[in-house]
Amino acid sequence: MSSLADLRKDYSRASLSETETAADPIDQFAIWFDEASRAQIPEPNAMSVATVGRDGRPSSRIVLIKQFDQQGFTWFTNYDSRKGVDVAENPYVALLFHWVELERQVRIEGKIERVSQEESDAYFYSRPLASQLGAIASQQSRTVESREKLEQQYETTKQQFGEHPSRPEHWGGYRVIPERIEFWQGRPSRMHDRVLYTRDASGQWQRQRLQP
C-alpha cells in the first residue's frame, strides 16, 4: 500500500516575478482568472471561504464567486447560515482559489460586508426560478430529518410563491474588501514563487516576494 507521504509532484508549468506582476492585485487576479477560464478548468470561480465564529473555531466551505472588481470579491448566500452567523460576530475572512491544473493559488484576506439590497435583488432575479425557490425553501445549515422533508419544503415553497418569488430578507450578497492578496505559483524543488500585496496606511498596494 502506498503512503500519503510518497504522494508528491514537482511543479514546473510557470514562474512568477514580483517585478513583472501587475501593480494592482485586482488586475493581476483578473489576468490569472482569465487564464484559468481559458484553460477550461472546471469551475474556476470556486473558492474556499474561511470564517471564525464567536467560539474561535474556524470553518471553511466552497462557494462560487460571482463578481470581482476594485471594490472586492462578491458572492451570494443565506445570511442565516453558519458562515453568516460567523461573519456577524467576526467580519474578517480568508478566501482561497486553487487552480490545480495551473499549479496556482490565490489567498485573499480582508473584511466582509453585505452588498446593497439593489445588488442582491439584481443577482437573485437573474437566477433560474428553481434556484430562487431553493433559496427560500432551505433553512441553510440547520438540521432536517430527511431528504423527503427537504423536498417537501421545496414543493410547499413552489406552491406558495409560484413563478414570481420575492428575494427573502435572509438571502443576499457579501463582499470581501481585501487587505492582503497573495499569488502562489508552484516551482520545482518546492522553491515556489509567492508574491504578496498588502495595503499601506494610505490605501495603496505594496508588493513583495515571500520565501516559499
N, C-alpha and C. Protein backbone atom coordinates (compact mmCIF):
# COMPACT_ATOMS: atom_id res chain seq x y z
N MET A 1 0.85 -1.19 0.00
CA MET A 1 0.00 0.00 0.00
C MET A 1 0.89 1.25 0.00
N SER A 2 0.59 2.20 -0.88
CA SER A 2 1.39 3.42 -0.96
C SER A 2 1.10 4.31 0.24
N SER A 3 2.08 5.12 0.61
CA SER A 3 1.95 6.05 1.73
C SER A 3 1.60 7.43 1.23
N LEU A 4 0.77 8.14 1.99
CA LEU A 4 0.45 9.52 1.63
C LEU A 4 1.70 10.36 1.55
N ALA A 5 2.69 10.03 2.37
CA ALA A 5 3.94 10.80 2.36
C ALA A 5 4.69 10.67 1.05
N ASP A 6 4.36 9.62 0.26
CA ASP A 6 5.04 9.41 -1.01
C ASP A 6 4.35 10.13 -2.16
N LEU A 7 3.18 10.73 -1.88
CA LEU A 7 2.47 11.45 -2.94
C LEU A 7 3.07 12.84 -3.08
N ARG A 8 3.76 13.07 -4.15
CA ARG A 8 4.37 14.39 -4.35
C ARG A 8 4.49 14.68 -5.84
N LYS A 9 4.55 15.94 -6.15
CA LYS A 9 4.64 16.39 -7.54
C LYS A 9 5.60 17.56 -7.61
N ASP A 10 6.41 17.59 -8.66
CA ASP A 10 7.33 18.70 -8.84
C ASP A 10 6.68 19.69 -9.82
N TYR A 11 6.49 20.92 -9.38
CA TYR A 11 5.78 21.92 -10.18
C TYR A 11 6.73 22.60 -11.15
N SER A 12 6.28 22.78 -12.40
CA SER A 12 7.20 23.35 -13.39
C SER A 12 6.50 24.08 -14.54
N ARG A 13 5.21 24.37 -14.38
CA ARG A 13 4.48 24.95 -15.50
C ARG A 13 4.84 26.40 -15.78
N ALA A 14 5.09 27.20 -14.75
CA ALA A 14 5.28 28.64 -14.95
C ALA A 14 6.09 29.22 -13.80
N SER A 15 6.38 30.51 -13.90
CA SER A 15 7.06 31.24 -12.84
C SER A 15 6.32 32.53 -12.57
N LEU A 16 6.69 33.20 -11.47
CA LEU A 16 6.02 34.44 -11.07
C LEU A 16 7.05 35.38 -10.49
N SER A 17 7.13 36.59 -11.03
CA SER A 17 8.11 37.57 -10.56
C SER A 17 7.40 38.78 -9.99
N GLU A 18 7.88 39.27 -8.85
CA GLU A 18 7.30 40.47 -8.25
C GLU A 18 7.53 41.71 -9.10
N THR A 19 8.49 41.65 -10.02
CA THR A 19 8.76 42.81 -10.88
C THR A 19 7.93 42.79 -12.16
N GLU A 20 7.29 41.63 -12.45
CA GLU A 20 6.51 41.52 -13.68
C GLU A 20 5.01 41.41 -13.44
N THR A 21 4.61 41.22 -12.19
CA THR A 21 3.18 41.20 -11.91
C THR A 21 2.60 42.61 -11.99
N ALA A 22 1.28 42.69 -12.10
CA ALA A 22 0.61 44.00 -12.18
C ALA A 22 0.79 44.76 -10.87
N ALA A 23 0.81 46.08 -10.95
CA ALA A 23 0.97 46.90 -9.74
C ALA A 23 -0.24 46.78 -8.83
N ASP A 24 -1.39 46.51 -9.40
CA ASP A 24 -2.62 46.35 -8.62
C ASP A 24 -3.00 44.88 -8.58
N PRO A 25 -3.24 44.30 -7.39
CA PRO A 25 -3.53 42.87 -7.31
C PRO A 25 -4.85 42.47 -7.97
N ILE A 26 -5.81 43.38 -8.04
CA ILE A 26 -7.07 43.05 -8.72
C ILE A 26 -6.81 42.84 -10.20
N ASP A 27 -5.94 43.67 -10.77
CA ASP A 27 -5.56 43.48 -12.17
C ASP A 27 -4.83 42.16 -12.36
N GLN A 28 -3.96 41.81 -11.42
CA GLN A 28 -3.24 40.55 -11.51
C GLN A 28 -4.20 39.37 -11.36
N PHE A 29 -5.16 39.50 -10.45
CA PHE A 29 -6.15 38.44 -10.29
C PHE A 29 -6.94 38.26 -11.58
N ALA A 30 -7.31 39.36 -12.23
CA ALA A 30 -8.07 39.28 -13.48
C ALA A 30 -7.28 38.53 -14.55
N ILE A 31 -5.97 38.75 -14.59
CA ILE A 31 -5.13 38.04 -15.56
C ILE A 31 -5.15 36.55 -15.28
N TRP A 32 -4.94 36.19 -14.02
CA TRP A 32 -4.92 34.77 -13.67
C TRP A 32 -6.29 34.13 -13.82
N PHE A 33 -7.34 34.84 -13.46
CA PHE A 33 -8.69 34.28 -13.58
C PHE A 33 -9.02 34.02 -15.05
N ASP A 34 -8.62 34.96 -15.91
CA ASP A 34 -8.86 34.78 -17.35
C ASP A 34 -8.08 33.57 -17.87
N GLU A 35 -6.86 33.40 -17.42
CA GLU A 35 -6.07 32.25 -17.85
C GLU A 35 -6.69 30.94 -17.35
N ALA A 36 -7.21 30.94 -16.12
CA ALA A 36 -7.87 29.75 -15.60
C ALA A 36 -9.13 29.43 -16.39
N SER A 37 -9.87 30.46 -16.77
CA SER A 37 -11.09 30.26 -17.56
C SER A 37 -10.76 29.72 -18.94
N ARG A 38 -9.75 30.30 -19.58
CA ARG A 38 -9.37 29.86 -20.93
C ARG A 38 -8.76 28.46 -20.93
N ALA A 39 -8.21 28.05 -19.78
CA ALA A 39 -7.67 26.70 -19.65
C ALA A 39 -8.77 25.67 -19.44
N GLN A 40 -10.02 26.13 -19.38
CA GLN A 40 -11.19 25.27 -19.22
C GLN A 40 -11.11 24.44 -17.93
N ILE A 41 -10.60 25.06 -16.88
CA ILE A 41 -10.59 24.44 -15.57
C ILE A 41 -12.03 24.35 -15.07
N PRO A 42 -12.45 23.22 -14.54
CA PRO A 42 -13.82 23.12 -14.02
C PRO A 42 -14.06 24.15 -12.91
N GLU A 43 -15.07 24.94 -13.05
CA GLU A 43 -15.46 25.95 -12.07
C GLU A 43 -14.27 26.77 -11.55
N PRO A 44 -13.65 27.55 -12.42
CA PRO A 44 -12.53 28.39 -11.96
C PRO A 44 -12.96 29.43 -10.95
N ASN A 45 -14.27 29.66 -10.84
CA ASN A 45 -14.80 30.63 -9.87
C ASN A 45 -15.07 30.02 -8.50
N ALA A 46 -14.70 28.75 -8.30
CA ALA A 46 -14.89 28.11 -6.99
C ALA A 46 -13.79 28.56 -6.04
N MET A 47 -14.18 28.94 -4.82
CA MET A 47 -13.20 29.39 -3.84
C MET A 47 -13.61 28.90 -2.45
N SER A 48 -12.62 28.72 -1.60
CA SER A 48 -12.86 28.39 -0.21
C SER A 48 -13.07 29.69 0.56
N VAL A 49 -14.07 29.70 1.44
CA VAL A 49 -14.31 30.83 2.33
C VAL A 49 -14.12 30.34 3.76
N ALA A 50 -13.16 30.91 4.46
CA ALA A 50 -12.90 30.53 5.85
C ALA A 50 -13.36 31.63 6.78
N THR A 51 -14.13 31.25 7.80
CA THR A 51 -14.65 32.19 8.79
C THR A 51 -14.28 31.69 10.18
N VAL A 52 -14.43 32.56 11.16
CA VAL A 52 -14.17 32.19 12.55
C VAL A 52 -15.36 32.67 13.38
N GLY A 53 -15.94 31.74 14.15
CA GLY A 53 -17.11 32.08 14.95
C GLY A 53 -16.75 32.68 16.30
N ARG A 54 -17.77 32.95 17.09
CA ARG A 54 -17.60 33.53 18.41
C ARG A 54 -16.73 32.65 19.30
N ASP A 55 -16.80 31.32 19.08
CA ASP A 55 -16.04 30.39 19.91
C ASP A 55 -14.58 30.28 19.48
N GLY A 56 -14.19 31.03 18.45
CA GLY A 56 -12.80 31.00 18.00
C GLY A 56 -12.45 29.84 17.09
N ARG A 57 -13.44 29.01 16.74
CA ARG A 57 -13.19 27.86 15.90
C ARG A 57 -13.39 28.22 14.41
N PRO A 58 -12.41 27.87 13.56
CA PRO A 58 -12.53 28.19 12.13
C PRO A 58 -13.46 27.21 11.42
N SER A 59 -14.01 27.67 10.31
CA SER A 59 -14.87 26.84 9.47
C SER A 59 -14.66 27.27 8.03
N SER A 60 -14.61 26.32 7.11
CA SER A 60 -14.41 26.67 5.70
C SER A 60 -15.36 25.88 4.83
N ARG A 61 -15.64 26.44 3.65
CA ARG A 61 -16.53 25.80 2.69
C ARG A 61 -16.24 26.38 1.30
N ILE A 62 -16.69 25.68 0.27
CA ILE A 62 -16.50 26.15 -1.11
C ILE A 62 -17.76 26.88 -1.56
N VAL A 63 -17.56 28.07 -2.12
CA VAL A 63 -18.66 28.82 -2.72
C VAL A 63 -18.19 29.30 -4.09
N LEU A 64 -19.09 29.88 -4.86
CA LEU A 64 -18.77 30.36 -6.20
C LEU A 64 -18.77 31.89 -6.21
N ILE A 65 -17.65 32.49 -6.56
CA ILE A 65 -17.57 33.94 -6.66
C ILE A 65 -18.42 34.38 -7.86
N LYS A 66 -19.12 35.49 -7.71
CA LYS A 66 -19.99 35.98 -8.77
C LYS A 66 -19.51 37.30 -9.36
N GLN A 67 -18.61 37.98 -8.67
CA GLN A 67 -18.10 39.24 -9.20
C GLN A 67 -16.82 39.60 -8.46
N PHE A 68 -15.88 40.21 -9.16
CA PHE A 68 -14.74 40.83 -8.51
C PHE A 68 -14.39 42.11 -9.27
N ASP A 69 -14.02 43.12 -8.53
CA ASP A 69 -13.63 44.41 -9.09
C ASP A 69 -12.84 45.16 -8.02
N GLN A 70 -12.63 46.46 -8.24
CA GLN A 70 -11.84 47.23 -7.29
C GLN A 70 -12.52 47.34 -5.92
N GLN A 71 -13.80 47.08 -5.85
CA GLN A 71 -14.49 47.11 -4.57
C GLN A 71 -14.21 45.86 -3.74
N GLY A 72 -13.99 44.72 -4.41
CA GLY A 72 -13.72 43.49 -3.69
C GLY A 72 -14.25 42.26 -4.40
N PHE A 73 -14.43 41.19 -3.63
CA PHE A 73 -14.82 39.88 -4.15
C PHE A 73 -16.20 39.52 -3.59
N THR A 74 -17.15 39.24 -4.49
CA THR A 74 -18.55 39.12 -4.10
C THR A 74 -19.14 37.74 -4.40
N TRP A 75 -19.92 37.23 -3.46
CA TRP A 75 -20.73 36.03 -3.68
C TRP A 75 -22.04 36.18 -2.90
N PHE A 76 -22.95 35.22 -3.08
CA PHE A 76 -24.29 35.32 -2.50
C PHE A 76 -24.63 34.06 -1.73
N THR A 77 -25.39 34.24 -0.65
CA THR A 77 -25.69 33.11 0.22
C THR A 77 -26.82 33.45 1.18
N ASN A 78 -27.10 32.53 2.09
CA ASN A 78 -28.09 32.73 3.14
C ASN A 78 -27.43 33.41 4.33
N TYR A 79 -27.93 34.57 4.73
CA TYR A 79 -27.33 35.31 5.85
C TYR A 79 -27.48 34.57 7.18
N ASP A 80 -28.42 33.62 7.25
CA ASP A 80 -28.64 32.88 8.49
C ASP A 80 -27.83 31.58 8.55
N SER A 81 -27.02 31.33 7.53
CA SER A 81 -26.19 30.12 7.51
C SER A 81 -25.07 30.23 8.54
N ARG A 82 -24.29 29.16 8.70
CA ARG A 82 -23.21 29.21 9.68
C ARG A 82 -22.21 30.31 9.33
N LYS A 83 -21.87 30.45 8.06
CA LYS A 83 -20.92 31.50 7.69
C LYS A 83 -21.50 32.87 7.94
N GLY A 84 -22.82 33.02 7.74
CA GLY A 84 -23.46 34.29 8.02
C GLY A 84 -23.42 34.65 9.49
N VAL A 85 -23.65 33.64 10.34
CA VAL A 85 -23.57 33.86 11.79
C VAL A 85 -22.14 34.20 12.18
N ASP A 86 -21.17 33.48 11.58
CA ASP A 86 -19.76 33.73 11.90
C ASP A 86 -19.37 35.17 11.58
N VAL A 87 -19.69 35.63 10.38
CA VAL A 87 -19.21 36.96 9.98
C VAL A 87 -19.97 38.07 10.72
N ALA A 88 -21.15 37.76 11.24
CA ALA A 88 -21.85 38.74 12.07
C ALA A 88 -21.09 38.96 13.37
N GLU A 89 -20.35 37.94 13.81
CA GLU A 89 -19.57 38.02 15.03
C GLU A 89 -18.14 38.50 14.76
N ASN A 90 -17.58 38.07 13.63
CA ASN A 90 -16.20 38.39 13.28
C ASN A 90 -16.14 38.68 11.79
N PRO A 91 -16.05 39.95 11.39
CA PRO A 91 -16.17 40.32 9.98
C PRO A 91 -14.90 40.16 9.16
N TYR A 92 -13.97 39.31 9.61
CA TYR A 92 -12.75 39.08 8.84
C TYR A 92 -12.74 37.65 8.32
N VAL A 93 -12.46 37.50 7.03
CA VAL A 93 -12.50 36.18 6.40
C VAL A 93 -11.27 35.99 5.52
N ALA A 94 -11.06 34.73 5.11
CA ALA A 94 -10.00 34.38 4.18
C ALA A 94 -10.60 33.61 3.01
N LEU A 95 -10.20 33.97 1.81
CA LEU A 95 -10.63 33.29 0.60
C LEU A 95 -9.44 32.56 -0.01
N LEU A 96 -9.71 31.46 -0.71
CA LEU A 96 -8.64 30.72 -1.37
C LEU A 96 -9.13 30.17 -2.69
N PHE A 97 -8.43 30.52 -3.75
CA PHE A 97 -8.63 29.91 -5.06
C PHE A 97 -7.47 28.94 -5.29
N HIS A 98 -7.78 27.74 -5.76
CA HIS A 98 -6.74 26.75 -6.06
C HIS A 98 -6.99 26.20 -7.46
N TRP A 99 -6.17 26.63 -8.38
CA TRP A 99 -6.27 26.17 -9.77
C TRP A 99 -5.20 25.12 -9.99
N VAL A 100 -5.55 23.88 -9.70
CA VAL A 100 -4.59 22.78 -9.68
C VAL A 100 -3.88 22.63 -11.02
N GLU A 101 -4.65 22.71 -12.11
CA GLU A 101 -4.07 22.47 -13.43
C GLU A 101 -3.00 23.49 -13.79
N LEU A 102 -3.09 24.69 -13.23
CA LEU A 102 -2.10 25.73 -13.49
C LEU A 102 -1.06 25.84 -12.38
N GLU A 103 -1.18 24.97 -11.37
CA GLU A 103 -0.26 24.96 -10.23
C GLU A 103 -0.24 26.33 -9.54
N ARG A 104 -1.44 26.86 -9.29
CA ARG A 104 -1.57 28.20 -8.75
C ARG A 104 -2.56 28.25 -7.59
N GLN A 105 -2.27 29.15 -6.67
CA GLN A 105 -3.21 29.51 -5.61
C GLN A 105 -3.27 31.03 -5.49
N VAL A 106 -4.42 31.53 -5.07
CA VAL A 106 -4.55 32.94 -4.69
C VAL A 106 -5.21 32.98 -3.32
N ARG A 107 -4.53 33.61 -2.37
CA ARG A 107 -5.03 33.74 -0.99
C ARG A 107 -5.43 35.20 -0.75
N ILE A 108 -6.63 35.40 -0.26
CA ILE A 108 -7.17 36.74 -0.05
C ILE A 108 -7.67 36.86 1.38
N GLU A 109 -7.27 37.90 2.07
CA GLU A 109 -7.74 38.15 3.43
C GLU A 109 -8.29 39.57 3.51
N GLY A 110 -9.39 39.73 4.22
CA GLY A 110 -9.95 41.06 4.33
C GLY A 110 -11.21 41.10 5.17
N LYS A 111 -11.84 42.23 5.15
CA LYS A 111 -13.06 42.46 5.92
C LYS A 111 -14.27 42.28 5.01
N ILE A 112 -15.33 41.71 5.59
CA ILE A 112 -16.51 41.40 4.81
C ILE A 112 -17.64 42.38 5.12
N GLU A 113 -18.47 42.63 4.11
CA GLU A 113 -19.65 43.48 4.29
C GLU A 113 -20.76 42.94 3.39
N ARG A 114 -21.99 43.29 3.72
CA ARG A 114 -23.10 42.94 2.84
C ARG A 114 -23.15 43.91 1.68
N VAL A 115 -23.51 43.40 0.51
CA VAL A 115 -23.72 44.29 -0.62
C VAL A 115 -25.07 44.98 -0.46
N SER A 116 -25.35 45.94 -1.32
CA SER A 116 -26.62 46.66 -1.23
C SER A 116 -27.79 45.74 -1.58
N GLN A 117 -28.98 46.14 -1.13
CA GLN A 117 -30.18 45.37 -1.46
C GLN A 117 -30.40 45.35 -2.97
N GLU A 118 -30.05 46.45 -3.63
CA GLU A 118 -30.22 46.50 -5.08
C GLU A 118 -29.34 45.46 -5.78
N GLU A 119 -28.10 45.30 -5.30
CA GLU A 119 -27.21 44.30 -5.89
C GLU A 119 -27.72 42.89 -5.62
N SER A 120 -28.21 42.67 -4.41
CA SER A 120 -28.76 41.35 -4.08
C SER A 120 -29.99 41.04 -4.91
N ASP A 121 -30.87 42.04 -5.07
CA ASP A 121 -32.06 41.85 -5.90
C ASP A 121 -31.68 41.51 -7.34
N ALA A 122 -30.73 42.27 -7.88
CA ALA A 122 -30.34 42.07 -9.28
C ALA A 122 -29.83 40.66 -9.51
N TYR A 123 -29.00 40.16 -8.60
CA TYR A 123 -28.48 38.81 -8.80
C TYR A 123 -29.56 37.75 -8.54
N PHE A 124 -30.37 37.94 -7.49
CA PHE A 124 -31.41 36.95 -7.17
C PHE A 124 -32.34 36.74 -8.35
N TYR A 125 -32.77 37.83 -8.98
CA TYR A 125 -33.74 37.70 -10.07
C TYR A 125 -33.09 37.27 -11.38
N SER A 126 -31.75 37.22 -11.41
CA SER A 126 -31.07 36.70 -12.60
C SER A 126 -30.91 35.18 -12.53
N ARG A 127 -31.19 34.60 -11.35
CA ARG A 127 -31.02 33.16 -11.16
C ARG A 127 -32.19 32.39 -11.77
N PRO A 128 -31.98 31.11 -12.08
CA PRO A 128 -33.10 30.28 -12.53
C PRO A 128 -34.18 30.23 -11.45
N LEU A 129 -35.42 30.06 -11.86
CA LEU A 129 -36.54 30.04 -10.92
C LEU A 129 -36.33 28.98 -9.84
N ALA A 130 -35.84 27.80 -10.22
CA ALA A 130 -35.65 26.73 -9.24
C ALA A 130 -34.64 27.14 -8.17
N SER A 131 -33.62 27.88 -8.55
CA SER A 131 -32.63 28.34 -7.57
C SER A 131 -33.22 29.41 -6.66
N GLN A 132 -34.07 30.26 -7.20
CA GLN A 132 -34.74 31.25 -6.37
C GLN A 132 -35.60 30.56 -5.30
N LEU A 133 -36.37 29.57 -5.75
CA LEU A 133 -37.24 28.85 -4.82
C LEU A 133 -36.43 28.08 -3.78
N GLY A 134 -35.30 27.51 -4.21
CA GLY A 134 -34.44 26.78 -3.29
C GLY A 134 -33.88 27.67 -2.20
N ALA A 135 -33.56 28.92 -2.56
CA ALA A 135 -33.03 29.85 -1.57
C ALA A 135 -34.07 30.19 -0.51
N ILE A 136 -35.33 30.17 -0.90
CA ILE A 136 -36.41 30.45 0.04
C ILE A 136 -36.70 29.21 0.89
N ALA A 137 -36.71 28.05 0.24
CA ALA A 137 -37.13 26.82 0.91
C ALA A 137 -36.13 26.31 1.94
N SER A 138 -34.84 26.49 1.67
CA SER A 138 -33.82 25.89 2.53
C SER A 138 -33.45 26.80 3.70
N GLN A 139 -33.51 26.26 4.90
CA GLN A 139 -33.01 26.94 6.09
C GLN A 139 -31.56 26.52 6.26
N GLN A 140 -30.69 27.13 5.46
CA GLN A 140 -29.31 26.66 5.30
C GLN A 140 -28.58 26.48 6.63
N SER A 141 -27.87 25.36 6.73
CA SER A 141 -27.04 24.97 7.88
C SER A 141 -27.84 24.42 9.06
N ARG A 142 -29.17 24.45 8.98
CA ARG A 142 -29.98 23.86 10.05
C ARG A 142 -30.26 22.39 9.75
N THR A 143 -30.49 21.62 10.79
CA THR A 143 -30.74 20.19 10.60
C THR A 143 -32.12 19.96 9.97
N VAL A 144 -32.25 18.85 9.26
CA VAL A 144 -33.53 18.43 8.69
C VAL A 144 -33.61 16.93 8.84
N GLU A 145 -34.80 16.41 9.11
CA GLU A 145 -34.93 15.00 9.47
C GLU A 145 -34.70 14.05 8.32
N SER A 146 -34.92 14.51 7.07
CA SER A 146 -34.73 13.61 5.93
C SER A 146 -34.70 14.40 4.63
N ARG A 147 -34.24 13.74 3.56
CA ARG A 147 -34.28 14.34 2.23
C ARG A 147 -35.73 14.60 1.81
N GLU A 148 -36.61 13.68 2.19
CA GLU A 148 -38.02 13.83 1.83
C GLU A 148 -38.61 15.10 2.45
N LYS A 149 -38.22 15.39 3.68
CA LYS A 149 -38.70 16.60 4.35
C LYS A 149 -38.20 17.84 3.62
N LEU A 150 -36.94 17.80 3.19
CA LEU A 150 -36.37 18.93 2.46
C LEU A 150 -37.10 19.17 1.14
N GLU A 151 -37.38 18.09 0.43
CA GLU A 151 -38.10 18.21 -0.84
C GLU A 151 -39.53 18.69 -0.62
N GLN A 152 -40.12 18.28 0.51
CA GLN A 152 -41.47 18.75 0.84
C GLN A 152 -41.45 20.26 1.07
N GLN A 153 -40.41 20.76 1.75
CA GLN A 153 -40.28 22.21 1.95
C GLN A 153 -40.20 22.93 0.60
N TYR A 154 -39.46 22.35 -0.33
CA TYR A 154 -39.32 22.96 -1.65
C TYR A 154 -40.67 23.00 -2.37
N GLU A 155 -41.40 21.90 -2.35
CA GLU A 155 -42.69 21.84 -3.03
C GLU A 155 -43.68 22.82 -2.41
N THR A 156 -43.65 22.94 -1.09
CA THR A 156 -44.53 23.90 -0.42
C THR A 156 -44.19 25.33 -0.84
N THR A 157 -42.90 25.61 -0.93
CA THR A 157 -42.45 26.93 -1.36
C THR A 157 -42.87 27.19 -2.80
N LYS A 158 -42.75 26.19 -3.64
CA LYS A 158 -43.12 26.32 -5.05
C LYS A 158 -44.60 26.64 -5.19
N GLN A 159 -45.43 25.96 -4.42
CA GLN A 159 -46.87 26.21 -4.48
C GLN A 159 -47.23 27.58 -3.93
N GLN A 160 -46.48 28.01 -2.92
CA GLN A 160 -46.79 29.29 -2.28
C GLN A 160 -46.36 30.48 -3.12
N PHE A 161 -45.20 30.40 -3.76
CA PHE A 161 -44.64 31.57 -4.45
C PHE A 161 -44.77 31.51 -5.97
N GLY A 162 -45.04 30.34 -6.52
CA GLY A 162 -45.26 30.23 -7.95
C GLY A 162 -44.05 30.64 -8.77
N GLU A 163 -44.29 31.38 -9.84
CA GLU A 163 -43.22 31.73 -10.77
C GLU A 163 -42.62 33.11 -10.51
N HIS A 164 -43.09 33.79 -9.47
CA HIS A 164 -42.58 35.15 -9.21
C HIS A 164 -42.26 35.34 -7.72
N PRO A 165 -41.29 34.57 -7.21
CA PRO A 165 -40.94 34.71 -5.79
C PRO A 165 -40.18 36.01 -5.55
N SER A 166 -40.28 36.51 -4.35
CA SER A 166 -39.52 37.69 -3.94
C SER A 166 -38.26 37.25 -3.19
N ARG A 167 -37.20 38.02 -3.36
CA ARG A 167 -35.98 37.67 -2.63
C ARG A 167 -36.22 37.76 -1.13
N PRO A 168 -35.91 36.68 -0.40
CA PRO A 168 -36.11 36.72 1.05
C PRO A 168 -35.08 37.62 1.72
N GLU A 169 -35.42 38.23 2.82
CA GLU A 169 -34.50 39.13 3.52
C GLU A 169 -33.26 38.42 4.01
N HIS A 170 -33.35 37.11 4.24
CA HIS A 170 -32.21 36.38 4.78
C HIS A 170 -31.22 35.94 3.70
N TRP A 171 -31.43 36.36 2.47
CA TRP A 171 -30.56 35.92 1.38
C TRP A 171 -30.02 37.13 0.63
N GLY A 172 -28.70 37.13 0.38
CA GLY A 172 -28.13 38.25 -0.36
C GLY A 172 -26.63 38.09 -0.52
N GLY A 173 -25.98 39.19 -0.87
CA GLY A 173 -24.57 39.13 -1.21
C GLY A 173 -23.64 39.60 -0.11
N TYR A 174 -22.42 39.07 -0.17
CA TYR A 174 -21.32 39.52 0.68
C TYR A 174 -20.18 39.98 -0.23
N ARG A 175 -19.46 40.98 0.24
CA ARG A 175 -18.27 41.43 -0.48
C ARG A 175 -17.08 41.46 0.48
N VAL A 176 -15.99 40.85 0.09
CA VAL A 176 -14.76 40.90 0.87
C VAL A 176 -13.89 42.03 0.33
N ILE A 177 -13.59 42.99 1.19
CA ILE A 177 -12.70 44.10 0.83
C ILE A 177 -11.29 43.65 1.20
N PRO A 178 -10.44 43.38 0.21
CA PRO A 178 -9.14 42.74 0.50
C PRO A 178 -8.15 43.68 1.17
N GLU A 179 -7.39 43.10 2.09
CA GLU A 179 -6.28 43.80 2.74
C GLU A 179 -4.95 43.13 2.42
N ARG A 180 -5.01 41.83 2.13
CA ARG A 180 -3.83 41.06 1.73
C ARG A 180 -4.23 40.12 0.59
N ILE A 181 -3.43 40.07 -0.46
CA ILE A 181 -3.65 39.14 -1.56
C ILE A 181 -2.31 38.53 -1.93
N GLU A 182 -2.25 37.20 -1.85
CA GLU A 182 -1.01 36.51 -2.20
C GLU A 182 -1.22 35.62 -3.42
N PHE A 183 -0.29 35.73 -4.37
CA PHE A 183 -0.29 34.89 -5.56
C PHE A 183 0.82 33.86 -5.42
N TRP A 184 0.46 32.59 -5.55
CA TRP A 184 1.37 31.46 -5.35
C TRP A 184 1.48 30.67 -6.63
N GLN A 185 2.71 30.52 -7.12
CA GLN A 185 2.96 29.73 -8.32
C GLN A 185 3.91 28.59 -7.96
N GLY A 186 3.48 27.35 -8.20
CA GLY A 186 4.32 26.20 -7.90
C GLY A 186 5.59 26.20 -8.75
N ARG A 187 6.71 25.85 -8.12
CA ARG A 187 8.00 25.79 -8.80
C ARG A 187 8.73 24.51 -8.42
N PRO A 188 9.74 24.11 -9.19
CA PRO A 188 10.48 22.88 -8.88
C PRO A 188 11.17 22.94 -7.52
N SER A 189 11.39 21.78 -6.92
CA SER A 189 12.11 21.62 -5.66
C SER A 189 11.44 22.36 -4.50
N ARG A 190 10.17 22.61 -4.62
CA ARG A 190 9.39 23.31 -3.58
C ARG A 190 9.87 24.75 -3.37
N MET A 191 10.62 25.29 -4.33
CA MET A 191 11.04 26.68 -4.25
C MET A 191 10.00 27.55 -4.95
N HIS A 192 8.80 27.56 -4.40
CA HIS A 192 7.67 28.21 -5.04
C HIS A 192 7.82 29.73 -5.09
N ASP A 193 7.16 30.33 -6.08
CA ASP A 193 7.09 31.79 -6.17
C ASP A 193 5.88 32.28 -5.40
N ARG A 194 6.08 33.24 -4.50
CA ARG A 194 4.99 33.83 -3.71
C ARG A 194 5.13 35.34 -3.75
N VAL A 195 4.12 36.02 -4.27
CA VAL A 195 4.11 37.48 -4.33
C VAL A 195 2.93 37.98 -3.50
N LEU A 196 3.23 38.80 -2.51
CA LEU A 196 2.23 39.29 -1.58
C LEU A 196 1.98 40.78 -1.79
N TYR A 197 0.69 41.14 -1.86
CA TYR A 197 0.26 42.54 -1.90
C TYR A 197 -0.41 42.88 -0.57
N THR A 198 -0.04 43.99 0.02
CA THR A 198 -0.68 44.47 1.25
C THR A 198 -1.00 45.95 1.09
N ARG A 199 -2.08 46.40 1.72
CA ARG A 199 -2.44 47.81 1.68
C ARG A 199 -1.66 48.57 2.76
N ASP A 200 -1.12 49.74 2.41
CA ASP A 200 -0.45 50.55 3.42
C ASP A 200 -1.45 51.53 4.04
N ALA A 201 -0.96 52.40 4.91
CA ALA A 201 -1.85 53.30 5.64
C ALA A 201 -2.62 54.24 4.73
N SER A 202 -2.07 54.52 3.56
CA SER A 202 -2.73 55.42 2.62
C SER A 202 -3.70 54.69 1.69
N GLY A 203 -3.77 53.36 1.83
CA GLY A 203 -4.66 52.59 0.98
C GLY A 203 -4.03 52.10 -0.30
N GLN A 204 -2.73 52.37 -0.49
CA GLN A 204 -2.04 51.94 -1.69
C GLN A 204 -1.50 50.53 -1.50
N TRP A 205 -1.37 49.80 -2.60
CA TRP A 205 -0.88 48.43 -2.55
C TRP A 205 0.64 48.40 -2.61
N GLN A 206 1.23 47.62 -1.71
CA GLN A 206 2.66 47.37 -1.70
C GLN A 206 2.89 45.90 -2.06
N ARG A 207 3.94 45.65 -2.81
CA ARG A 207 4.19 44.31 -3.36
C ARG A 207 5.56 43.81 -2.92
N GLN A 208 5.62 42.54 -2.50
CA GLN A 208 6.89 41.98 -2.08
C GLN A 208 6.87 40.47 -2.27
N ARG A 209 8.07 39.87 -2.36
CA ARG A 209 8.21 38.43 -2.51
C ARG A 209 8.34 37.78 -1.14
N LEU A 210 7.67 36.61 -1.00
CA LEU A 210 7.79 35.82 0.21
C LEU A 210 8.63 34.56 -0.08
N GLN A 211 9.33 34.09 0.93
CA GLN A 211 10.02 32.81 0.77
C GLN A 211 9.01 31.67 0.78
N PRO A 212 9.31 30.59 0.06
CA PRO A 212 8.32 29.51 -0.08
C PRO A 212 8.09 28.73 1.21
